[in-house]
Protein backbone atom coordinates (compact mmCIF):
# COMPACT_ATOMS: atom_id res chain seq x y z
CA UNK A 1 -48.68 6.67 15.46
CA UNK A 2 -48.47 3.35 14.51
CA UNK A 3 -44.28 2.17 15.16
CA UNK A 4 -43.33 -1.15 12.76
CA UNK A 5 -39.66 -2.61 12.43
CA UNK A 6 -39.20 -3.57 9.25
CA UNK A 7 -35.66 -4.93 7.04
CA UNK A 8 -34.79 -3.94 3.48
CA UNK A 9 -37.24 -5.39 0.71
CA UNK A 10 -40.01 -6.54 3.76
CA UNK A 11 -43.37 -3.88 3.12
CA UNK A 12 -45.96 -2.26 5.18
CA UNK A 13 -49.99 -2.13 3.77
CA UNK A 14 -51.85 1.57 4.07
CA UNK A 15 -55.58 0.70 3.05
CA UNK A 16 -55.98 -1.98 -0.18
CA UNK A 17 -53.54 -0.17 -3.08
CA UNK A 18 -50.50 1.74 -0.67
CA UNK A 19 -47.56 -0.30 -0.65
CA UNK A 20 -44.64 1.07 1.26
CA UNK A 21 -40.74 -1.40 0.99
CA UNK A 22 -38.10 -0.50 2.57
CA UNK A 23 -34.87 -0.33 -0.24
CA UNK A 24 -32.12 0.43 1.41
CA UNK A 25 -31.06 1.19 4.55
CA UNK A 26 -27.35 3.25 4.69
CA UNK A 27 -26.08 4.44 8.29
CA UNK A 28 -28.70 6.36 9.62
CA UNK A 29 -31.12 6.77 5.98
CA UNK A 30 -33.68 4.43 4.84
CA UNK A 31 -34.74 4.43 0.99
CA UNK A 32 -38.35 3.92 0.68
CA UNK A 33 -40.47 3.13 -2.16
CA UNK A 34 -44.22 3.79 -2.15
CA UNK A 35 -46.33 2.02 -4.52
CA UNK A 36 -50.12 4.07 -4.87
CA UNK A 37 -52.58 5.20 -7.08
CA UNK A 38 -51.67 7.83 -9.34
CA UNK A 39 -54.71 10.34 -7.43
CA UNK A 40 -52.88 9.61 -4.39
CA UNK A 41 -50.34 12.89 -3.78
CA UNK A 42 -47.11 11.44 -1.72
CA UNK A 43 -45.41 13.95 -0.55
CA UNK A 44 -42.16 14.68 1.56
CA UNK A 45 -43.48 16.46 4.56
CA UNK A 46 -40.88 19.04 4.82
CA UNK A 47 -41.62 19.59 0.85
CA UNK A 48 -45.58 19.85 1.76
CA UNK A 49 -44.88 22.47 4.30
CA UNK A 50 -42.74 24.69 1.80
CA UNK A 51 -45.36 24.53 -0.64
CA UNK A 52 -48.56 25.41 1.80
CA UNK A 53 -45.68 28.29 2.61
CA UNK A 54 -45.62 29.55 -0.62
CA UNK A 55 -48.71 29.28 -1.22
CA UNK A 56 -50.01 31.79 1.23
CA UNK A 57 -47.47 34.10 0.74
CA UNK A 58 -48.16 34.49 -3.01
CA UNK A 59 -51.80 35.18 -1.91
CA UNK A 60 -50.90 37.46 0.96
CA UNK A 61 -48.29 40.09 0.23
CA UNK A 62 -47.53 42.75 2.32
CA UNK A 63 -49.79 45.36 3.20
CA UNK A 64 -53.02 43.88 0.82
CA UNK A 65 -55.70 41.73 2.81
CA UNK A 66 -56.94 38.60 2.00
CA UNK A 67 -58.53 37.27 -0.71
CA UNK A 68 -60.63 34.42 -0.89
CA UNK A 69 -59.79 32.36 -4.00
CA UNK A 70 -63.16 30.51 -5.76
CA UNK A 71 -64.28 27.35 -4.20
CA UNK A 72 -63.30 24.59 -6.35
CA UNK A 73 -65.72 22.22 -7.64
CA UNK A 74 -67.24 19.30 -5.39
CA UNK A 75 -64.93 17.02 -7.10
CA UNK A 76 -61.78 18.93 -7.05
CA UNK A 77 -59.23 17.67 -4.12
CA UNK A 78 -56.28 19.85 -2.54
CA UNK A 79 -53.84 17.63 -3.31
CA UNK A 80 -55.62 15.18 -6.75
CA UNK A 81 -52.61 14.71 -9.27
CA UNK A 82 -53.51 16.62 -12.67
CA UNK A 83 -55.10 13.34 -15.21
CA UNK A 84 -54.25 13.42 -18.73
CA UNK A 85 -56.46 13.50 -21.67
CA UNK A 86 -57.72 10.25 -22.55
CA UNK A 87 -58.53 9.73 -26.58
CA UNK A 88 -61.42 8.14 -28.35
CA UNK A 89 -60.37 5.20 -30.06
């Protein structure tokens, strides 16, 4: 794990296109601003864990055997945001 010290309005850059900025420090909480491409999913860790658990429990209800979901297309990503349809000009 990389540990960095940042102050208010200071940022870190991840890769070429993700920027995390400290917006506010108040007591034991900080507010972060994250700038990332729309195709990059950003979740709080506890929310992602809850979503994963909810998805598993929806598929594996008590007393039933697990059913394998159909394989996604090769270009699909598990955490990709849906894209908006573009209109032809």
